[in-house]
Protein backbone atom coordinates (compact mmCIF):
# COMPACT_ATOMS: atom_id res chain seq x y z
CA VAL A 1 129.20 1.38 7.54
CA LEU A 2 132.88 0.60 7.13
CA GLY A 3 134.31 -2.85 7.84
CA ALA A 4 137.80 -4.25 8.28
CA GLY A 5 138.25 -5.07 4.60
CA ALA A 6 138.54 -1.37 3.82
CA SER A 7 141.83 -1.12 5.74
CA ARG A 8 143.53 -3.95 3.88
CA THR A 9 144.47 -1.85 0.85
CA SER A 10 146.22 0.55 3.21
CA GLY A 11 148.52 -2.19 4.47
CA ILE A 12 146.67 -3.23 7.61
CA ARG A 13 146.54 -7.01 7.60
CA THR A 14 143.23 -8.84 7.61
CA GLY A 15 141.95 -10.88 10.52
CA GLU A 16 142.74 -14.02 8.56
CA GLN A 17 146.38 -12.98 8.14
CA LEU A 18 146.70 -12.12 11.82
CA MET A 19 145.10 -15.41 12.82
CA ALA A 20 147.67 -17.34 10.78
CA GLU A 21 150.52 -15.42 12.45
CA TRP A 22 149.12 -15.95 15.96
CA ARG A 23 148.53 -19.65 15.35
CA ASP A 24 152.06 -20.09 13.97
CA TYR A 25 153.48 -18.29 17.00
CA LEU A 26 151.54 -20.49 19.42
CA VAL A 27 152.41 -23.70 17.57
CA SER A 28 156.10 -22.73 17.61
CA ARG A 29 155.96 -22.40 21.41
CA GLY A 30 154.47 -25.89 21.83
CA GLY A 31 151.39 -27.54 23.26
CA GLY A 32 152.41 -26.98 26.88
CA TYR A 33 152.64 -23.26 26.30
CA ILE A 34 149.23 -23.21 24.58
CA ASP A 35 147.68 -25.13 27.50
CA GLU A 36 149.27 -22.71 29.98
CA CYS A 37 147.85 -19.72 28.09
CA ALA A 38 144.43 -21.37 28.03
CA ARG A 39 144.57 -21.92 31.81
CA ASP A 40 145.51 -18.25 32.30
CA ILE A 41 142.35 -17.12 30.53
CA GLY A 42 140.09 -19.92 31.75
CA LEU A 43 139.59 -21.43 28.31
CA PRO A 44 138.52 -25.10 28.29
CA ARG A 45 140.60 -27.37 26.05
CA LYS A 46 137.58 -28.34 23.96
CA GLU A 47 137.30 -24.71 22.80
CA TYR A 48 140.78 -24.59 21.27
CA ALA A 49 142.08 -28.11 20.67
CA ASP A 50 140.85 -28.34 17.06
CA ILE A 51 142.63 -25.07 16.18
CA PHE A 52 145.96 -26.81 16.70
CA ALA A 53 145.10 -30.06 14.93
CA ALA A 54 147.26 -30.97 11.93
CA ASP A 55 144.25 -30.84 9.58
CA TYR A 56 142.99 -27.48 10.85
CA THR A 57 141.20 -25.22 8.39
CA GLN A 58 141.05 -21.60 9.47
CA LYS A 59 137.60 -20.33 10.50
CA ASN A 60 136.67 -16.70 11.20
CA GLU A 61 135.07 -17.61 14.51
CA ASP A 62 138.50 -18.72 15.80
CA TYR A 63 139.85 -15.15 15.63
CA PHE A 64 138.97 -14.34 19.23
CA THR A 65 140.31 -17.61 20.61
CA LEU A 66 143.63 -17.14 18.82
CA PHE A 67 143.86 -13.50 19.94
CA ASP A 68 143.11 -14.45 23.55
CA LEU A 69 145.63 -17.31 23.55
CA ARG A 70 148.36 -15.32 21.80
CA PHE A 71 148.11 -12.46 24.29
CA ALA A 72 147.06 -14.40 27.41
CA GLY A 73 148.12 -12.48 30.49
CA GLN A 74 149.59 -9.69 28.33
CA PRO A 75 146.87 -7.07 27.69
CA ALA A 76 149.46 -4.32 27.19
CA ALA A 77 151.25 -6.44 24.58
CA ALA A 78 147.95 -7.01 22.77
CA PHE A 79 147.30 -3.29 22.44
CA ALA A 80 150.94 -2.63 21.53
CA PHE A 81 150.62 -5.24 18.78
CA LEU A 82 147.52 -3.54 17.37
CA GLU A 83 149.18 -0.10 17.56
CA LYS A 84 152.25 -1.38 15.73
CA GLU A 85 150.06 -3.05 13.10
CA MET A 86 148.37 0.27 12.34
CA ALA A 87 151.34 2.61 12.75
CA GLY A 88 152.53 4.48 9.67
CA LYS A 89 149.64 3.36 7.47
CA TYR A 90 148.40 5.79 4.85
CA PRO A 91 144.83 5.87 3.49
CA SER A 92 144.65 4.04 0.17
CA TYR A 93 142.93 5.49 -2.88
CA GLY A 94 139.51 4.17 -1.82
CA TYR A 95 139.50 6.59 1.08
CA PHE A 96 139.64 9.59 -1.26
CA PRO A 97 136.04 9.36 -2.57
CA LEU A 98 134.83 8.53 0.94
CA ALA A 99 136.56 11.61 2.35
CA MET A 100 135.16 13.78 -0.44
CA MET A 101 131.64 12.52 0.19
CA LEU A 102 131.93 13.04 3.94
CA ALA A 103 133.32 16.55 3.55
CA ASN A 104 131.08 17.80 0.75
CA THR A 105 127.65 16.21 1.15
CA GLU A 106 125.09 15.77 3.90
CA ASN A 107 126.29 12.18 4.26
CA ARG A 108 128.59 12.84 7.20
CA LEU A 109 128.36 9.75 9.38
CA VAL A 110 130.62 6.69 9.28
CA ILE A 111 129.86 3.75 11.55
CA THR A 112 132.85 1.43 11.75
CA THR A 113 134.21 -1.57 13.60
CA ASN A 114 137.76 -0.49 12.70
CA PHE A 115 140.20 0.83 15.30
CA ASP A 116 142.49 2.57 12.84
CA SER A 117 142.56 6.29 11.99
CA LEU A 118 142.45 5.96 8.20
CA ILE A 119 139.10 7.73 7.79
CA GLU A 120 140.09 10.69 9.93
CA ASP A 121 143.51 10.82 8.25
CA SER A 122 141.92 10.89 4.80
CA LEU A 123 139.56 13.70 5.79
CA PHE A 124 142.50 15.80 6.94
CA ILE A 125 144.81 14.92 4.03
CA TYR A 126 142.25 15.48 1.27
CA ASN A 127 140.02 18.16 2.82
CA MET A 128 141.89 19.70 5.75
CA GLN A 129 138.92 18.76 7.95
CA HIS A 130 138.94 17.29 11.42
CA PRO A 131 136.03 14.93 12.02
CA LEU A 132 134.40 14.27 15.35
CA VAL A 133 135.70 10.83 16.33
CA VAL A 134 133.38 9.02 18.72
CA GLY A 135 135.80 6.32 19.79
CA HIS A 136 134.13 5.05 22.94
CA GLU A 137 130.59 4.05 23.85
CA SER A 138 130.50 6.66 26.63
CA LEU A 139 130.55 9.29 23.84
CA ALA A 140 127.89 7.62 21.68
CA SER A 141 125.29 10.33 22.21
CA TYR A 142 127.55 12.71 20.23
CA ILE A 143 126.91 10.98 16.90
CA SER A 144 123.84 13.11 16.21
CA ASN A 145 123.81 13.36 12.45
CA ASP A 146 122.85 17.04 12.44
CA SER A 147 126.53 17.98 12.75
CA ARG A 148 128.23 20.21 10.19
CA ARG A 149 131.37 18.12 10.39
CA PRO A 150 131.90 14.45 9.57
CA VAL A 151 131.35 12.06 12.47
CA ILE A 152 133.11 8.71 12.83
CA ALA A 153 131.40 6.30 15.23
CA LYS A 154 133.84 3.54 16.26
CA ILE A 155 131.53 0.97 17.80
CA HIS A 156 134.41 -1.30 18.86
CA ARG A 157 136.30 1.72 20.21
CA ASP A 158 139.26 3.64 18.91
CA LEU A 159 142.75 2.16 19.07
CA LEU A 160 143.61 4.51 21.95
CA PHE A 161 140.59 3.52 24.10
CA ARG A 162 141.26 -0.19 24.71
CA PRO A 163 139.66 -1.51 21.53
CA MET A 164 137.12 -4.28 21.84
CA ASN A 165 138.90 -7.27 20.39
CA ARG A 166 137.81 -10.13 22.62
CA LYS A 167 134.99 -12.62 22.22
CA GLN A 168 133.06 -11.38 25.25
CA ASP A 169 133.23 -7.84 23.82
CA MET A 170 131.54 -8.99 20.62
CA LEU A 171 128.63 -10.84 22.18
CA LYS A 172 126.45 -7.72 22.09
CA LEU A 173 126.60 -4.07 21.19
CA ALA A 174 127.24 -1.77 24.16
CA ASP A 175 123.93 -0.38 25.42
CA GLU A 176 125.15 3.21 25.01
CA TRP A 177 125.24 2.74 21.20
CA LYS A 178 121.71 1.42 20.76
CA GLN A 179 119.63 4.61 20.80
CA PRO A 180 122.13 6.87 18.97
CA LEU A 181 122.60 4.28 16.21
CA SER A 182 118.87 3.66 15.99
CA ASN A 183 118.31 7.43 15.58
CA ALA A 184 121.04 7.71 12.94
CA LEU A 185 119.87 4.70 10.96
CA SER A 186 116.31 6.06 10.93
CA LYS A 187 117.65 9.05 8.93
CA TYR A 188 120.31 7.41 6.78
CA ILE A 189 120.26 4.50 4.36
CA PRO A 190 123.45 2.57 5.18
CA ILE A 191 126.05 1.79 2.54
CA VAL A 192 128.35 -1.04 3.61
CA ILE A 193 132.00 -0.84 2.53
CA GLY A 194 134.71 -3.37 3.39
């Protein structure tokens, strides 16, 4: 199970860093702009007012609110931002042992919340292997862990399939993932990285 922290050493900024940038951007545009963005997405003032208080301390749970406000009414700009953030990034050294394990052992399944392609890039760079990337819940049944090639299950979708990056997307796992993940986790003991 690979989390967002694994991408940081490859130059992809953390959620905390992105939140600071988005908050600074919104603050620089002014309170009227923030209120307008909130109206566009139907966000009540009580759900964001404290984020823009002078004594604000950043909290992880504010990620989705800041993302939604920063890209209110601009879904294409949101995905373009994420694409630009991940463009030209190269797998850091930590991806080497992961790629070697995936390519040379029976441990061939990665379950990740990441949108980036660092795992698949490392498999190709270090092993000349193409993994099966299951980047959308409609493909979830393909994660059967009896495959002879590494499988990457992107439970928040791949960058190219409208990644799930909004609060309502995170409220629950897509139903299509439940049985395939249950089957996989009944055969594997998860190791959490990142």
